[in-house]
Amino acid sequence: MSERPQPTQCVYYCECFVNERRIGTYDAYSPREALRWVRISLMMIAAALDEAPYLRARTWLDHGQPAAVRDLEAGKPHTLTLKQRSTQATWTVSPITSPPAHEARA
């Protein structure tokens, strides 16, 4: 009896950079989990932002997530960048397709 092929697993690798320095990473197992990580870290800093980047953050929080989910489900990466004076914060979520864990160990 032959073994059924297992579907590949998708991990969503999340990163946050401030001025090109990585300050955080997270491995998520669904687009919604990945965007929750972005949303939580974004909300932690949003109140300290100037008006223009704050409004961009609010727009993404209020309206940008459905498009981000569609992109991630289609296998496309998603990036959100906010700039304030000389500081730039960037969140990226990249879908990474990997073999099931038992195959990776083989």
C-alpha atoms as a PDB file:
ATOM      1  CA  MET A   1       0.000   0.000   0.000  1.00  0.00           C
ATOM      2  CA  SER A   2       1.479   3.355  -0.996  1.00  0.00           C
ATOM      3  CA  GLU A   3       1.570   6.295   1.339  1.00  0.00           C
ATOM      4  CA  ARG A   4      -0.587   9.262   0.488  1.00  0.00           C
ATOM      5  CA  PRO A   5       1.381  12.437  -0.295  1.00  0.00           C
ATOM      6  CA  GLN A   6       0.989  15.050   2.433  1.00  0.00           C
ATOM      7  CA  PRO A   7       0.083  18.599   1.473  1.00  0.00           C
ATOM      8  CA  THR A   8       2.800  21.147   1.967  1.00  0.00           C
ATOM      9  CA  GLN A   9       2.579  23.336   5.019  1.00  0.00           C
ATOM     10  CA  CYS A  10       2.727  27.091   4.816  1.00  0.00           C
ATOM     11  CA  VAL A  11       4.388  29.150   7.507  1.00  0.00           C
ATOM     12  CA  TYR A  12       4.098  32.927   7.505  1.00  0.00           C
ATOM     13  CA  TYR A  13       7.427  34.450   8.507  1.00  0.00           C
ATOM     14  CA  CYS A  14       6.879  37.860  10.105  1.00  0.00           C
ATOM     15  CA  GLU A  15       9.538  40.490  10.695  1.00  0.00           C
ATOM     16  CA  CYS A  16       9.650  44.037  11.987  1.00  0.00           C
ATOM     17  CA  PHE A  17      12.476  46.380  11.092  1.00  0.00           C
ATOM     18  CA  VAL A  18      13.160  49.864  12.405  1.00  0.00           C
ATOM     19  CA  ASN A  19      15.630  51.809  10.284  1.00  0.00           C
ATOM     20  CA  GLU A  20      16.695  48.553   8.608  1.00  0.00           C
ATOM     21  CA  ARG A  21      17.481  46.876  11.955  1.00  0.00           C
ATOM     22  CA  ARG A  22      15.395  43.792  12.672  1.00  0.00           C
ATOM     23  CA  ILE A  23      13.749  44.154  16.060  1.00  0.00           C
ATOM     24  CA  GLY A  24      11.332  41.222  16.011  1.00  0.00           C
ATOM     25  CA  THR A  25      10.288  38.043  14.237  1.00  0.00           C
ATOM     26  CA  TYR A  26       7.401  35.630  14.514  1.00  0.00           C
ATOM     27  CA  ASP A  27       6.384  32.383  12.779  1.00  0.00           C
ATOM     28  CA  ALA A  28       2.637  32.208  12.173  1.00  0.00           C
ATOM     29  CA  TYR A  29       0.596  29.314  10.815  1.00  0.00           C
ATOM     30  CA  SER A  30      -2.180  31.297   9.143  1.00  0.00           C
ATOM     31  CA  PRO A  31      -2.523  34.698   7.480  1.00  0.00           C
ATOM     32  CA  ARG A  32      -4.796  35.873  10.292  1.00  0.00           C
ATOM     33  CA  GLU A  33      -2.292  34.854  12.975  1.00  0.00           C
ATOM     34  CA  ALA A  34       0.488  36.658  11.097  1.00  0.00           C
ATOM     35  CA  LEU A  35      -1.563  39.832  10.763  1.00  0.00           C
ATOM     36  CA  ARG A  36      -2.555  39.660  14.428  1.00  0.00           C
ATOM     37  CA  TRP A  37       1.172  39.864  15.276  1.00  0.00           C
ATOM     38  CA  VAL A  38       1.547  42.909  13.002  1.00  0.00           C
ATOM     39  CA  ARG A  39      -1.615  44.486  14.397  1.00  0.00           C
ATOM     40  CA  ILE A  40      -0.560  44.071  18.049  1.00  0.00           C
ATOM     41  CA  SER A  41       2.924  45.485  17.529  1.00  0.00           C
ATOM     42  CA  LEU A  42       1.523  48.325  15.414  1.00  0.00           C
ATOM     43  CA  MET A  43      -1.078  49.217  18.044  1.00  0.00           C
ATOM     44  CA  MET A  44       1.648  49.351  20.702  1.00  0.00           C
ATOM     45  CA  ILE A  45       3.368  52.240  18.918  1.00  0.00           C
ATOM     46  CA  ALA A  46       0.438  53.934  17.142  1.00  0.00           C
ATOM     47  CA  ALA A  47      -0.399  56.348  19.962  1.00  0.00           C
ATOM     48  CA  ALA A  48       3.155  57.723  19.903  1.00  0.00           C
ATOM     49  CA  LEU A  49       3.111  58.503  16.165  1.00  0.00           C
ATOM     50  CA  ASP A  50       2.713  61.900  14.547  1.00  0.00           C
ATOM     51  CA  GLU A  51      -0.595  62.544  12.788  1.00  0.00           C
ATOM     52  CA  ALA A  52       0.317  61.404   9.235  1.00  0.00           C
ATOM     53  CA  PRO A  53       1.867  58.026  10.163  1.00  0.00           C
ATOM     54  CA  TYR A  54      -0.840  57.528  12.785  1.00  0.00           C
ATOM     55  CA  LEU A  55      -3.546  58.004  10.135  1.00  0.00           C
ATOM     56  CA  ARG A  56      -1.739  55.568   7.819  1.00  0.00           C
ATOM     57  CA  ALA A  57      -1.587  53.026  10.666  1.00  0.00           C
ATOM     58  CA  ARG A  58      -5.296  53.542  11.448  1.00  0.00           C
ATOM     59  CA  THR A  59      -6.192  53.131   7.771  1.00  0.00           C
ATOM     60  CA  TRP A  60      -4.302  49.828   7.635  1.00  0.00           C
ATOM     61  CA  LEU A  61      -5.854  48.684  10.927  1.00  0.00           C
ATOM     62  CA  ASP A  62      -9.372  49.653   9.807  1.00  0.00           C
ATOM     63  CA  HIS A  63      -9.302  48.786   6.099  1.00  0.00           C
ATOM     64  CA  GLY A  64      -6.003  47.214   4.977  1.00  0.00           C
ATOM     65  CA  GLN A  65      -6.156  43.806   6.567  1.00  0.00           C
ATOM     66  CA  PRO A  66      -8.662  42.114   4.204  1.00  0.00           C
ATOM     67  CA  ALA A  67      -6.413  42.880   1.219  1.00  0.00           C
ATOM     68  CA  ALA A  68      -3.393  41.642   3.187  1.00  0.00           C
ATOM     69  CA  VAL A  69      -5.168  38.344   3.955  1.00  0.00           C
ATOM     70  CA  ARG A  70      -6.028  37.899   0.261  1.00  0.00           C
ATOM     71  CA  ASP A  71      -2.398  38.538  -0.733  1.00  0.00           C
ATOM     72  CA  LEU A  72      -1.055  36.070   1.831  1.00  0.00           C
ATOM     73  CA  GLU A  73      -3.594  33.397   0.907  1.00  0.00           C
ATOM     74  CA  ALA A  74      -2.499  33.839  -2.725  1.00  0.00           C
ATOM     75  CA  GLY A  75       1.124  33.238  -1.684  1.00  0.00           C
ATOM     76  CA  LYS A  76       2.188  36.887  -1.987  1.00  0.00           C
ATOM     77  CA  PRO A  77       4.139  38.715   0.724  1.00  0.00           C
ATOM     78  CA  HIS A  78       2.683  41.733   2.505  1.00  0.00           C
ATOM     79  CA  THR A  79       4.552  44.804   3.718  1.00  0.00           C
ATOM     80  CA  LEU A  80       3.494  47.793   5.795  1.00  0.00           C
ATOM     81  CA  THR A  81       5.861  50.735   6.217  1.00  0.00           C
ATOM     82  CA  LEU A  82       5.393  53.800   8.383  1.00  0.00           C
ATOM     83  CA  LYS A  83       7.741  56.775   8.335  1.00  0.00           C
ATOM     84  CA  GLN A  84       8.073  59.395  11.034  1.00  0.00           C
ATOM     85  CA  ARG A  85      10.806  61.994  10.694  1.00  0.00           C
ATOM     86  CA  SER A  86      14.065  59.998  10.452  1.00  0.00           C
ATOM     87  CA  THR A  87      12.516  56.730  11.631  1.00  0.00           C
ATOM     88  CA  GLN A  88      11.067  54.078   9.346  1.00  0.00           C
ATOM     89  CA  ALA A  89       9.280  51.010  10.701  1.00  0.00           C
ATOM     90  CA  THR A  90       8.499  48.130   8.333  1.00  0.00           C
ATOM     91  CA  TRP A  91       6.515  44.978   8.979  1.00  0.00           C
ATOM     92  CA  THR A  92       6.766  42.131   6.486  1.00  0.00           C
ATOM     93  CA  VAL A  93       4.885  38.863   6.287  1.00  0.00           C
ATOM     94  CA  SER A  94       6.211  36.293   3.840  1.00  0.00           C
ATOM     95  CA  PRO A  95       4.491  32.988   3.083  1.00  0.00           C
ATOM     96  CA  ILE A  96       7.026  30.151   3.128  1.00  0.00           C
ATOM     97  CA  THR A  97       5.893  26.786   1.814  1.00  0.00           C
ATOM     98  CA  SER A  98       7.704  23.933   3.492  1.00  0.00           C
ATOM     99  CA  PRO A  99       7.353  20.175   3.465  1.00  0.00           C
ATOM    100  CA  PRO A 100       5.482  18.607   6.388  1.00  0.00           C
ATOM    101  CA  ALA A 101       7.616  18.332   9.515  1.00  0.00           C
ATOM    102  CA  HIS A 102       8.092  14.547   9.244  1.00  0.00           C
ATOM    103  CA  GLU A 103       9.530  14.977   5.716  1.00  0.00           C
ATOM    104  CA  ALA A 104      11.854  17.785   6.781  1.00  0.00           C
ATOM    105  CA  ARG A 105      13.463  15.462   9.341  1.00  0.00           C
ATOM    106  CA  ALA A 106      13.950  12.601   6.891  1.00  0.00           C
END
